[in-house]
């Protein structure tokens, strides 16, 4: 799974100042143990991309809610395969 998280500027600034942005990201990483995390900007917004194995689709609300609640973020989950899975 690839999950793109788009964080509005104001909420991101507040999250950096108050420490909720790194805390939210670290909480996600500890829970889902992504294979890769990339942090970029897209459309002027802080935009992390997480690549992880989603064993159970019912986990999507659990992993998305902290980003919604603490950072006013939008979430875009997309199915993704790594090269090994694609060639298997």
N, C-alpha and C. Protein backbone atom coordinates (compact mmCIF):
# COMPACT_ATOMS: atom_id res chain seq x y z
N UNK A 1 0.85 -1.16 0.00
CA UNK A 1 0.00 0.00 0.00
C UNK A 1 0.90 1.23 0.00
N UNK A 2 0.49 2.23 -0.77
CA UNK A 2 1.11 3.54 -0.66
C UNK A 2 0.05 4.46 -0.07
N UNK A 3 0.43 5.21 0.95
CA UNK A 3 -0.49 6.17 1.53
C UNK A 3 0.15 7.55 1.45
N UNK A 4 -0.54 8.44 0.73
CA UNK A 4 -0.09 9.84 0.64
C UNK A 4 -0.89 10.63 1.67
N UNK A 5 -0.17 11.41 2.47
CA UNK A 5 -0.79 12.24 3.50
C UNK A 5 -0.50 13.69 3.15
N UNK A 6 -1.54 14.46 2.92
CA UNK A 6 -1.39 15.86 2.56
C UNK A 6 -1.78 16.73 3.76
N UNK A 7 -0.82 17.49 4.27
CA UNK A 7 -1.02 18.26 5.50
C UNK A 7 -1.10 19.75 5.15
N UNK A 8 -2.23 20.39 5.44
CA UNK A 8 -2.35 21.83 5.16
C UNK A 8 -1.25 22.62 5.90
N UNK A 9 -0.83 23.73 5.30
CA UNK A 9 0.29 24.51 5.83
C UNK A 9 0.06 24.92 7.29
N UNK A 10 -1.09 25.51 7.58
CA UNK A 10 -1.33 26.01 8.94
C UNK A 10 -1.30 24.88 9.96
N UNK A 11 -1.97 23.78 9.65
CA UNK A 11 -1.99 22.64 10.57
C UNK A 11 -0.60 22.03 10.70
N UNK A 12 0.16 22.00 9.61
CA UNK A 12 1.52 21.48 9.66
C UNK A 12 2.42 22.36 10.51
N UNK A 13 2.31 23.67 10.35
CA UNK A 13 3.11 24.59 11.16
C UNK A 13 2.80 24.41 12.64
N UNK A 14 1.53 24.32 12.96
CA UNK A 14 1.11 24.11 14.35
C UNK A 14 1.64 22.76 14.86
N UNK A 15 1.56 21.74 14.00
CA UNK A 15 2.05 20.41 14.37
C UNK A 15 3.54 20.37 14.63
N UNK A 16 4.29 21.16 13.87
CA UNK A 16 5.74 21.24 14.11
C UNK A 16 6.00 21.95 15.43
N UNK A 17 5.35 23.09 15.64
CA UNK A 17 5.55 23.87 16.86
C UNK A 17 5.16 23.10 18.12
N UNK A 18 4.05 22.38 18.04
CA UNK A 18 3.54 21.66 19.22
C UNK A 18 4.08 20.24 19.34
N UNK A 19 4.76 19.75 18.31
CA UNK A 19 5.32 18.40 18.34
C UNK A 19 4.37 17.31 17.91
N UNK A 20 3.13 17.68 17.50
CA UNK A 20 2.18 16.64 17.11
C UNK A 20 2.48 16.04 15.74
N UNK A 21 3.13 16.79 14.86
CA UNK A 21 3.44 16.24 13.53
C UNK A 21 4.42 15.09 13.65
N UNK A 22 5.60 15.28 14.27
CA UNK A 22 6.50 14.12 14.39
C UNK A 22 5.91 13.00 15.24
N UNK A 23 5.16 13.35 16.27
CA UNK A 23 4.55 12.31 17.11
C UNK A 23 3.56 11.47 16.31
N UNK A 24 2.78 12.10 15.46
CA UNK A 24 1.81 11.38 14.64
C UNK A 24 2.51 10.48 13.64
N UNK A 25 3.55 10.99 12.99
CA UNK A 25 4.31 10.20 12.02
C UNK A 25 4.97 9.00 12.71
N UNK A 26 5.61 9.25 13.84
CA UNK A 26 6.28 8.16 14.56
C UNK A 26 5.28 7.11 15.03
N UNK A 27 4.10 7.55 15.49
CA UNK A 27 3.06 6.60 15.89
C UNK A 27 2.64 5.70 14.73
N UNK A 28 2.49 6.30 13.55
CA UNK A 28 2.15 5.51 12.37
C UNK A 28 3.26 4.51 12.05
N UNK A 29 4.49 4.99 12.05
CA UNK A 29 5.64 4.14 11.71
C UNK A 29 5.76 2.98 12.69
N UNK A 30 5.57 3.24 13.97
CA UNK A 30 5.65 2.16 14.96
C UNK A 30 4.53 1.14 14.79
N UNK A 31 3.35 1.61 14.39
CA UNK A 31 2.21 0.71 14.21
C UNK A 31 2.32 -0.12 12.94
N UNK A 32 2.63 0.54 11.81
CA UNK A 32 2.56 -0.14 10.51
C UNK A 32 3.91 -0.61 9.97
N UNK A 33 5.00 -0.15 10.55
CA UNK A 33 6.35 -0.56 10.14
C UNK A 33 6.53 -0.48 8.62
N UNK A 34 6.38 0.72 8.04
CA UNK A 34 6.48 0.85 6.58
C UNK A 34 7.85 0.45 6.05
N UNK A 35 7.84 -0.06 4.81
CA UNK A 35 9.07 -0.41 4.12
C UNK A 35 9.86 0.84 3.76
N UNK A 36 9.14 1.94 3.48
CA UNK A 36 9.79 3.20 3.12
C UNK A 36 8.89 4.36 3.50
N UNK A 37 9.52 5.48 3.83
CA UNK A 37 8.81 6.74 4.12
C UNK A 37 9.56 7.84 3.37
N UNK A 38 8.83 8.62 2.62
CA UNK A 38 9.42 9.76 1.92
C UNK A 38 8.64 11.01 2.30
N UNK A 39 9.36 12.09 2.49
CA UNK A 39 8.74 13.35 2.89
C UNK A 39 9.06 14.39 1.83
N UNK A 40 8.00 14.98 1.27
CA UNK A 40 8.14 15.91 0.17
C UNK A 40 7.11 17.03 0.34
N UNK A 41 7.09 17.91 -0.64
CA UNK A 41 6.01 18.89 -0.71
C UNK A 41 5.25 18.64 -2.00
N UNK A 42 3.96 18.84 -1.94
CA UNK A 42 3.12 18.73 -3.13
C UNK A 42 2.04 19.79 -3.01
N UNK A 43 1.95 20.65 -3.99
CA UNK A 43 0.97 21.73 -3.94
C UNK A 43 1.21 22.67 -2.77
N UNK A 44 2.46 22.81 -2.35
CA UNK A 44 2.80 23.67 -1.23
C UNK A 44 2.51 23.10 0.14
N UNK A 45 2.10 21.84 0.21
CA UNK A 45 1.77 21.20 1.48
C UNK A 45 2.82 20.15 1.84
N UNK A 46 3.04 19.96 3.12
CA UNK A 46 3.89 18.85 3.57
C UNK A 46 3.17 17.56 3.17
N UNK A 47 3.90 16.68 2.50
CA UNK A 47 3.26 15.48 1.97
C UNK A 47 4.15 14.26 2.17
N UNK A 48 3.93 13.52 3.25
CA UNK A 48 4.65 12.25 3.39
C UNK A 48 4.00 11.15 2.55
N UNK A 49 4.85 10.26 2.06
CA UNK A 49 4.42 9.06 1.34
C UNK A 49 4.93 7.87 2.12
N UNK A 50 4.02 6.98 2.48
CA UNK A 50 4.38 5.78 3.23
C UNK A 50 4.08 4.55 2.39
N UNK A 51 5.01 3.62 2.37
CA UNK A 51 4.84 2.35 1.65
C UNK A 51 4.88 1.23 2.68
N UNK A 52 3.79 0.47 2.77
CA UNK A 52 3.70 -0.55 3.82
C UNK A 52 2.80 -1.68 3.36
N UNK A 53 2.91 -2.80 4.07
CA UNK A 53 2.09 -3.97 3.80
C UNK A 53 0.81 -3.85 4.61
N UNK A 54 -0.30 -3.69 3.93
CA UNK A 54 -1.61 -3.60 4.61
C UNK A 54 -2.25 -4.98 4.57
N UNK A 55 -2.15 -5.69 5.67
CA UNK A 55 -2.70 -7.04 5.77
C UNK A 55 -4.22 -7.03 5.85
N UNK A 56 -4.78 -5.98 6.47
CA UNK A 56 -6.21 -5.94 6.73
C UNK A 56 -6.76 -4.56 6.38
N UNK A 57 -7.57 -4.46 5.33
CA UNK A 57 -8.10 -3.15 4.92
C UNK A 57 -8.92 -2.44 5.99
N UNK A 58 -9.42 -3.18 6.97
CA UNK A 58 -10.18 -2.53 8.03
C UNK A 58 -9.28 -1.68 8.93
N UNK A 59 -7.97 -1.76 8.74
CA UNK A 59 -7.02 -0.93 9.50
C UNK A 59 -6.95 0.50 8.97
N UNK A 60 -7.49 0.75 7.77
CA UNK A 60 -7.37 2.09 7.17
C UNK A 60 -7.91 3.18 8.10
N UNK A 61 -9.09 3.05 8.67
CA UNK A 61 -9.54 4.11 9.59
C UNK A 61 -8.60 4.30 10.78
N UNK A 62 -8.09 3.21 11.32
CA UNK A 62 -7.18 3.29 12.47
C UNK A 62 -5.91 4.04 12.13
N UNK A 63 -5.36 3.80 10.95
CA UNK A 63 -4.10 4.47 10.59
C UNK A 63 -4.33 5.89 10.07
N UNK A 64 -5.50 6.15 9.53
CA UNK A 64 -5.77 7.48 8.98
C UNK A 64 -6.23 8.48 10.04
N UNK A 65 -6.98 8.02 11.02
CA UNK A 65 -7.61 8.92 11.99
C UNK A 65 -6.64 9.85 12.71
N UNK A 66 -5.48 9.38 13.16
CA UNK A 66 -4.55 10.32 13.81
C UNK A 66 -4.12 11.47 12.89
N UNK A 67 -3.95 11.19 11.61
CA UNK A 67 -3.59 12.25 10.67
C UNK A 67 -4.76 13.22 10.49
N UNK A 68 -5.97 12.70 10.44
CA UNK A 68 -7.15 13.56 10.34
C UNK A 68 -7.28 14.46 11.58
N UNK A 69 -7.22 13.84 12.73
CA UNK A 69 -7.52 14.54 13.98
C UNK A 69 -6.43 15.52 14.41
N UNK A 70 -5.18 15.14 14.28
CA UNK A 70 -4.11 15.99 14.80
C UNK A 70 -3.56 16.97 13.77
N UNK A 71 -3.69 16.66 12.47
CA UNK A 71 -3.04 17.48 11.45
C UNK A 71 -3.99 17.98 10.37
N UNK A 72 -5.28 17.71 10.52
CA UNK A 72 -6.26 18.12 9.51
C UNK A 72 -5.85 17.66 8.11
N UNK A 73 -5.21 16.51 8.04
CA UNK A 73 -4.65 16.01 6.79
C UNK A 73 -5.70 15.29 5.95
N UNK A 74 -5.42 15.21 4.66
CA UNK A 74 -6.20 14.34 3.79
C UNK A 74 -5.32 13.13 3.48
N UNK A 75 -5.97 12.00 3.30
CA UNK A 75 -5.28 10.72 3.11
C UNK A 75 -5.69 10.13 1.77
N UNK A 76 -4.70 9.63 1.05
CA UNK A 76 -5.01 8.95 -0.21
C UNK A 76 -4.28 7.61 -0.23
N UNK A 77 -4.96 6.53 0.20
CA UNK A 77 -4.34 5.21 0.12
C UNK A 77 -4.46 4.66 -1.31
N UNK A 78 -3.42 4.03 -1.78
CA UNK A 78 -3.42 3.45 -3.13
C UNK A 78 -2.73 2.09 -3.09
N UNK A 79 -3.32 1.08 -3.70
CA UNK A 79 -2.62 -0.19 -3.78
C UNK A 79 -1.30 -0.01 -4.53
N UNK A 80 -0.26 -0.68 -4.05
CA UNK A 80 1.06 -0.59 -4.69
C UNK A 80 1.77 -1.91 -4.50
N UNK A 81 2.59 -2.26 -5.46
CA UNK A 81 3.39 -3.49 -5.39
C UNK A 81 4.86 -3.13 -5.51
N UNK A 82 5.71 -3.84 -4.77
CA UNK A 82 7.14 -3.69 -5.02
C UNK A 82 7.53 -4.64 -6.14
N UNK A 83 8.76 -4.54 -6.60
CA UNK A 83 9.19 -5.34 -7.74
C UNK A 83 9.08 -6.83 -7.46
N UNK A 84 9.43 -7.23 -6.25
CA UNK A 84 9.38 -8.66 -5.89
C UNK A 84 7.95 -9.18 -5.98
N UNK A 85 6.98 -8.44 -5.48
CA UNK A 85 5.59 -8.89 -5.53
C UNK A 85 5.06 -8.89 -6.96
N UNK A 86 5.49 -7.93 -7.76
CA UNK A 86 5.01 -7.85 -9.13
C UNK A 86 5.52 -8.99 -9.99
N UNK A 87 6.73 -9.46 -9.71
CA UNK A 87 7.32 -10.50 -10.55
C UNK A 87 7.10 -11.89 -9.98
N UNK A 88 6.42 -12.01 -8.86
CA UNK A 88 6.18 -13.32 -8.25
C UNK A 88 5.11 -14.08 -9.01
